[in-house]
C-alpha atoms as a PDB file:
ATOM      1  CA  MET A   1      60.254  66.896 -27.658  1.00  0.00           C
ATOM      2  CA  VAL A   2      63.158  67.677 -29.973  1.00  0.00           C
ATOM      3  CA  GLU A   3      62.267  68.046 -33.624  1.00  0.00           C
ATOM      4  CA  ASN A   4      64.708  66.314 -35.909  1.00  0.00           C
ATOM      5  CA  ILE A   5      64.341  67.344 -39.524  1.00  0.00           C
ATOM      6  CA  GLY A   6      66.783  65.808 -41.979  1.00  0.00           C
ATOM      7  CA  HIS A   7      69.420  64.909 -39.367  1.00  0.00           C
ATOM      8  CA  LEU A   8      70.507  61.717 -37.717  1.00  0.00           C
ATOM      9  CA  PRO A   9      68.777  61.041 -34.416  1.00  0.00           C
ATOM     10  CA  GLU A  10      70.529  62.492 -31.412  1.00  0.00           C
ATOM     11  CA  GLU A  11      72.110  60.005 -29.067  1.00  0.00           C
ATOM     12  CA  ILE A  12      71.304  60.645 -25.446  1.00  0.00           C
ATOM     13  CA  VAL A  13      73.672  59.020 -22.987  1.00  0.00           C
ATOM     14  CA  ASP A  14      72.860  59.056 -19.295  1.00  0.00           C
ATOM     15  CA  LEU A  15      76.032  58.426 -17.303  1.00  0.00           C
ATOM     16  CA  THR A  16      76.518  58.384 -13.571  1.00  0.00           C
ATOM     17  CA  SER A  17      79.495  60.287 -12.182  1.00  0.00           C
ATOM     18  CA  SER A  18      81.368  56.992 -11.860  1.00  0.00           C
ATOM     19  CA  GLY A  19      80.510  56.127 -15.475  1.00  0.00           C
ATOM     20  CA  TRP A  20      81.627  59.535 -16.730  1.00  0.00           C
ATOM     21  CA  ASN A  21      84.907  59.342 -14.805  1.00  0.00           C
ATOM     22  CA  ALA A  22      85.483  55.794 -16.059  1.00  0.00           C
ATOM     23  CA  ARG A  23      85.118  57.108 -19.624  1.00  0.00           C
ATOM     24  CA  LEU A  24      87.730  59.755 -18.841  1.00  0.00           C
ATOM     25  CA  GLY A  25      90.080  57.095 -17.432  1.00  0.00           C
ATOM     26  CA  ARG A  26      90.112  58.453 -13.891  1.00  0.00           C
ATOM     27  CA  TYR A  27      88.017  55.758 -12.168  1.00  0.00           C
ATOM     28  CA  PHE A  28      90.263  53.367 -10.240  1.00  0.00           C
ATOM     29  CA  ILE A  29      90.016  49.876  -8.761  1.00  0.00           C
ATOM     30  CA  GLY A  30      92.386  48.608  -6.077  1.00  0.00           C
ATOM     31  CA  GLN A  31      92.613  45.309  -4.204  1.00  0.00           C
ATOM     32  CA  THR A  32      94.549  44.256  -1.127  1.00  0.00           C
ATOM     33  CA  GLU A  33      96.545  41.071  -0.932  1.00  0.00           C
ATOM     34  CA  GLU A  34      95.078  38.347   1.274  1.00  0.00           C
ATOM     35  CA  LEU A  35      94.652  39.763   4.765  1.00  0.00           C
ATOM     36  CA  HIS A  36      95.018  37.306   7.660  1.00  0.00           C
ATOM     37  CA  PHE A  37      93.664  38.107  11.113  1.00  0.00           C
ATOM     38  CA  GLY A  38      92.064  36.552  14.182  1.00  0.00           C
ATOM     39  CA  ASN A  39      93.246  35.305  17.571  1.00  0.00           C
ATOM     40  CA  GLN A  40      93.097  38.899  18.918  1.00  0.00           C
ATOM     41  CA  PHE A  41      94.618  40.444  15.776  1.00  0.00           C
ATOM     42  CA  ASN A  42      92.853  42.694  13.249  1.00  0.00           C
ATOM     43  CA  ALA A  43      93.531  43.556   9.598  1.00  0.00           C
ATOM     44  CA  TRP A  44      93.202  46.865   7.782  1.00  0.00           C
ATOM     45  CA  GLY A  45      93.036  48.196   4.219  1.00  0.00           C
ATOM     46  CA  GLY A  46      92.440  51.710   2.961  1.00  0.00           C
ATOM     47  CA  ILE A  47      92.901  54.499   0.433  1.00  0.00           C
ATOM     48  CA  ILE A  48      95.131  57.435   1.318  1.00  0.00           C
ATOM     49  CA  ASN A  49      94.758  60.769  -0.480  1.00  0.00           C
ATOM     50  CA  PRO A  50      98.188  62.405  -0.074  1.00  0.00           C
ATOM     51  CA  ARG A  51      98.263  65.837   1.540  1.00  0.00           C
ATOM     52  CA  TYR A  52      99.588  67.567  -1.611  1.00  0.00           C
ATOM     53  CA  SER A  53      97.696  65.504  -4.213  1.00  0.00           C
ATOM     54  CA  GLY A  54      95.648  68.438  -5.514  1.00  0.00           C
ATOM     55  CA  VAL A  55      92.632  66.130  -5.982  1.00  0.00           C
ATOM     56  CA  ASN A  56      89.473  65.169  -4.175  1.00  0.00           C
ATOM     57  CA  LEU A  57      88.833  61.444  -4.041  1.00  0.00           C
ATOM     58  CA  TYR A  58      85.197  60.402  -4.641  1.00  0.00           C
ATOM     59  CA  PHE A  59      84.562  57.020  -3.088  1.00  0.00           C
ATOM     60  CA  ASP A  60      82.182  54.625  -4.855  1.00  0.00           C
ATOM     61  CA  ILE A  61      82.099  50.916  -3.892  1.00  0.00           C
ATOM     62  CA  PHE A  62      83.885  48.496  -1.575  1.00  0.00           C
ATOM     63  CA  THR A  63      83.787  44.715  -1.433  1.00  0.00           C
ATOM     64  CA  ILE A  64      85.044  42.468   1.339  1.00  0.00           C
ATOM     65  CA  THR A  65      85.559  38.765   0.597  1.00  0.00           C
ATOM     66  CA  ASN A  66      85.519  36.229   3.432  1.00  0.00           C
ATOM     67  CA  TYR A  67      87.325  33.027   2.402  1.00  0.00           C
ATOM     68  CA  GLY A  68      86.652  31.308   5.718  1.00  0.00           C
ATOM     69  CA  GLU A  69      84.007  29.533   7.758  1.00  0.00           C
ATOM     70  CA  GLU A  70      83.641  32.234  10.446  1.00  0.00           C
ATOM     71  CA  TYR A  71      81.708  35.506  10.543  1.00  0.00           C
ATOM     72  CA  PHE A  72      83.748  38.656  11.084  1.00  0.00           C
ATOM     73  CA  ASP A  73      83.087  42.386  11.534  1.00  0.00           C
ATOM     74  CA  ALA A  74      84.134  45.218   9.217  1.00  0.00           C
ATOM     75  CA  GLU A  75      84.297  48.820  10.446  1.00  0.00           C
ATOM     76  CA  ILE A  76      84.308  51.636   7.870  1.00  0.00           C
ATOM     77  CA  TRP A  77      86.386  54.656   8.945  1.00  0.00           C
ATOM     78  CA  LEU A  78      87.029  58.134   7.547  1.00  0.00           C
ATOM     79  CA  ASN A  79      90.330  59.937   8.183  1.00  0.00           C
ATOM     80  CA  ALA A  80      91.785  57.420  10.637  1.00  0.00           C
ATOM     81  CA  GLU A  81      95.526  57.491  11.250  1.00  0.00           C
ATOM     82  CA  THR A  82      97.457  54.912   9.271  1.00  0.00           C
ATOM     83  CA  PRO A  83      98.302  51.998  11.580  1.00  0.00           C
ATOM     84  CA  PRO A  84     101.900  50.806  11.994  1.00  0.00           C
ATOM     85  CA  GLY A  85     103.359  48.054   9.822  1.00  0.00           C
ATOM     86  CA  VAL A  86     101.541  48.899   6.580  1.00  0.00           C
ATOM     87  CA  THR A  87     102.367  47.739   3.063  1.00  0.00           C
ATOM     88  CA  LYS A  88     101.712  49.843  -0.040  1.00  0.00           C
ATOM     89  CA  MET A  89      99.637  48.082  -2.697  1.00  0.00           C
ATOM     90  CA  SER A  90     100.559  48.073  -6.363  1.00  0.00           C
ATOM     91  CA  THR A  91      97.347  46.400  -7.550  1.00  0.00           C
ATOM     92  CA  ILE A  92      95.547  49.590  -8.563  1.00  0.00           C
ATOM     93  CA  THR A  93      94.412  50.182 -12.119  1.00  0.00           C
ATOM     94  CA  SER A  94      92.240  52.511 -14.138  1.00  0.00           C
ATOM     95  CA  SER A  95      88.950  50.838 -15.029  1.00  0.00           C
ATOM     96  CA  ASN A  96      89.202  52.222 -18.583  1.00  0.00           C
ATOM     97  CA  GLN A  97      91.895  50.190 -20.276  1.00  0.00           C
ATOM     98  CA  SER A  98      91.189  51.848 -23.645  1.00  0.00           C
ATOM     99  CA  VAL A  99      92.947  55.062 -22.515  1.00  0.00           C
ATOM    100  CA  ILE A 100      96.600  54.722 -23.517  1.00  0.00           C
ATOM    101  CA  PRO A 101      98.599  55.115 -21.393  1.00  0.00           C
ATOM    102  CA  PRO A 102      96.212  54.417 -18.497  1.00  0.00           C
ATOM    103  CA  GLN A 103      95.983  57.220 -15.961  1.00  0.00           C
ATOM    104  CA  LYS A 104      97.695  56.726 -12.619  1.00  0.00           C
ATOM    105  CA  PRO A 105      95.872  57.626  -9.408  1.00  0.00           C
ATOM    106  CA  ASN A 106      97.157  60.255  -7.009  1.00  0.00           C
ATOM    107  CA  ALA A 107      95.766  58.243  -4.096  1.00  0.00           C
ATOM    108  CA  TYR A 108      97.290  54.947  -3.011  1.00  0.00           C
ATOM    109  CA  MET A 109      96.181  51.890  -1.071  1.00  0.00           C
ATOM    110  CA  LEU A 110      97.793  50.533   2.070  1.00  0.00           C
ATOM    111  CA  GLN A 111      97.133  47.352   4.025  1.00  0.00           C
ATOM    112  CA  THR A 112      98.241  45.535   7.149  1.00  0.00           C
ATOM    113  CA  LYS A 113      97.499  42.129   8.614  1.00  0.00           C
ATOM    114  CA  TYR A 114      97.926  40.775  12.147  1.00  0.00           C
ATOM    115  CA  MET A 115      97.404  44.273  13.558  1.00  0.00           C
ATOM    116  CA  LYS A 116      97.102  44.777  17.316  1.00  0.00           C
ATOM    117  CA  GLY A 117      94.602  47.299  18.613  1.00  0.00           C
ATOM    118  CA  ASP A 118      92.184  49.765  17.079  1.00  0.00           C
ATOM    119  CA  LEU A 119      92.437  52.663  14.661  1.00  0.00           C
ATOM    120  CA  ASN A 120      93.265  56.081  16.084  1.00  0.00           C
ATOM    121  CA  LYS A 121      91.499  59.345  15.409  1.00  0.00           C
ATOM    122  CA  GLY A 122      89.106  59.493  12.476  1.00  0.00           C
ATOM    123  CA  VAL A 123      85.424  58.561  12.525  1.00  0.00           C
ATOM    124  CA  ASP A 124      83.946  55.037  12.544  1.00  0.00           C
ATOM    125  CA  ILE A 125      80.974  55.780  10.249  1.00  0.00           C
ATOM    126  CA  PHE A 126      79.348  52.324  10.080  1.00  0.00           C
ATOM    127  CA  GLY A 127      79.943  48.609  10.422  1.00  0.00           C
ATOM    128  CA  ARG A 128      79.061  45.443   8.546  1.00  0.00           C
ATOM    129  CA  ILE A 129      78.988  41.732   9.350  1.00  0.00           C
ATOM    130  CA  VAL A 130      80.721  39.618   6.706  1.00  0.00           C
ATOM    131  CA  THR A 131      79.248  36.125   6.391  1.00  0.00           C
ATOM    132  CA  PRO A 132      81.357  32.991   5.790  1.00  0.00           C
ATOM    133  CA  ASN A 133      82.417  32.053   2.241  1.00  0.00           C
ATOM    134  CA  SER A 134      80.934  35.202   0.730  1.00  0.00           C
ATOM    135  CA  THR A 135      81.638  38.629  -0.699  1.00  0.00           C
ATOM    136  CA  LEU A 136      79.939  41.640   0.858  1.00  0.00           C
ATOM    137  CA  VAL A 137      79.315  44.318  -1.786  1.00  0.00           C
ATOM    138  CA  SER A 138      78.469  47.828  -0.611  1.00  0.00           C
ATOM    139  CA  ASP A 139      75.857  49.930  -2.288  1.00  0.00           C
ATOM    140  CA  SER A 140      77.351  52.441  -4.655  1.00  0.00           C
ATOM    141  CA  HIS A 141      78.106  55.624  -2.768  1.00  0.00           C
ATOM    142  CA  GLN A 142      78.274  57.417  -6.154  1.00  0.00           C
ATOM    143  CA  GLY A 143      80.879  59.857  -4.896  1.00  0.00           C
ATOM    144  CA  SER A 144      78.919  60.938  -1.819  1.00  0.00           C
ATOM    145  CA  ILE A 145      81.942  60.179   0.382  1.00  0.00           C
ATOM    146  CA  ILE A 146      84.568  62.761  -0.576  1.00  0.00           C
ATOM    147  CA  ILE A 147      88.109  62.464   0.745  1.00  0.00           C
ATOM    148  CA  GLY A 148      90.170  65.651   0.470  1.00  0.00           C
ATOM    149  CA  PRO A 149      93.954  65.882   0.422  1.00  0.00           C
ATOM    150  CA  GLY A 150      95.422  64.365   3.601  1.00  0.00           C
ATOM    151  CA  GLY A 151      92.332  62.216   4.231  1.00  0.00           C
ATOM    152  CA  SER A 152      91.628  58.499   4.081  1.00  0.00           C
ATOM    153  CA  PHE A 153      88.939  55.823   3.705  1.00  0.00           C
ATOM    154  CA  SER A 154      89.653  52.699   5.763  1.00  0.00           C
ATOM    155  CA  ILE A 155      88.176  49.302   6.522  1.00  0.00           C
ATOM    156  CA  LEU A 156      89.148  47.592   9.780  1.00  0.00           C
ATOM    157  CA  LEU A 157      88.484  43.827   9.894  1.00  0.00           C
ATOM    158  CA  ARG A 158      87.849  42.182  13.286  1.00  0.00           C
ATOM    159  CA  SER A 159      87.610  38.477  13.961  1.00  0.00           C
ATOM    160  CA  ARG A 160      84.924  37.307  16.367  1.00  0.00           C
ATOM    161  CA  GLY A 161      86.984  34.375  17.635  1.00  0.00           C
ATOM    162  CA  TRP A 162      90.300  32.613  17.792  1.00  0.00           C
ATOM    163  CA  GLU A 163      90.324  31.249  14.244  1.00  0.00           C
ATOM    164  CA  ILE A 164      92.610  32.865  11.661  1.00  0.00           C
ATOM    165  CA  VAL A 165      90.480  34.429   8.925  1.00  0.00           C
ATOM    166  CA  THR A 166      91.508  35.269   5.340  1.00  0.00           C
ATOM    167  CA  SER A 167      89.938  38.167   3.469  1.00  0.00           C
ATOM    168  CA  THR A 168      90.515  40.672   0.659  1.00  0.00           C
ATOM    169  CA  ILE A 169      89.202  44.217   0.209  1.00  0.00           C
ATOM    170  CA  VAL A 170      88.446  45.889  -3.129  1.00  0.00           C
ATOM    171  CA  LEU A 171      87.919  49.679  -3.289  1.00  0.00           C
ATOM    172  CA  THR A 172      86.740  51.832  -6.208  1.00  0.00           C
ATOM    173  CA  TRP A 173      86.966  55.613  -6.541  1.00  0.00           C
ATOM    174  CA  TRP A 174      87.574  58.477  -8.932  1.00  0.00           C
ATOM    175  CA  GLU A 175      89.663  61.588  -8.594  1.00  0.00           C
ATOM    176  CA  GLU A 176      88.978  65.160  -9.684  1.00  0.00           C
ATOM    177  CA  ARG A 177      91.468  67.994  -9.663  1.00  0.00           C
ATOM    178  CA  ILE A 178      90.601  70.695  -7.120  1.00  0.00           C
ATOM    179  CA  LYS A 179      89.873  73.953  -8.944  1.00  0.00           C
ATOM    180  CA  GLY A 180      92.648  76.483  -8.593  1.00  0.00           C
ATOM    181  CA  ARG A 181      95.334  73.838  -7.971  1.00  0.00           C
END
């Protein structure tokens, strides 16, 4: 117990790492455009931490929205090669809009739709089934997935049938400068 004689009460704030980094303006949210896939085509979205970024990327939450009537599968990959035909996303923002100017991330998001084939290299760490007309929200990873420079976090979307499916992916993360860089 802390004795408080003649002073204002101390404020104790318990912040998670994501909360602390949001306060500092270095917690980021990115969303893909609508991704279309099916009829033997896949879609993909991911965060790339550039080789010379000088930061570690601490992954927090992903969401996958299924706008259709069909189930589909989502595979979560670490450090997969970027597939061909990707588009860079500009819909990334700092979650703390009170920091002026808002910080810009070192990492960037890429996406592709109507992709043939699988991802190369990397590790498929787990999968999820995304139900129709729903949004799958991952548990918070609270920074337990750490992507170093040159690495990536990817989500591969696979249709189970011939129907064209529409989906979006939202990713959240924070970045911390690597000591000595």
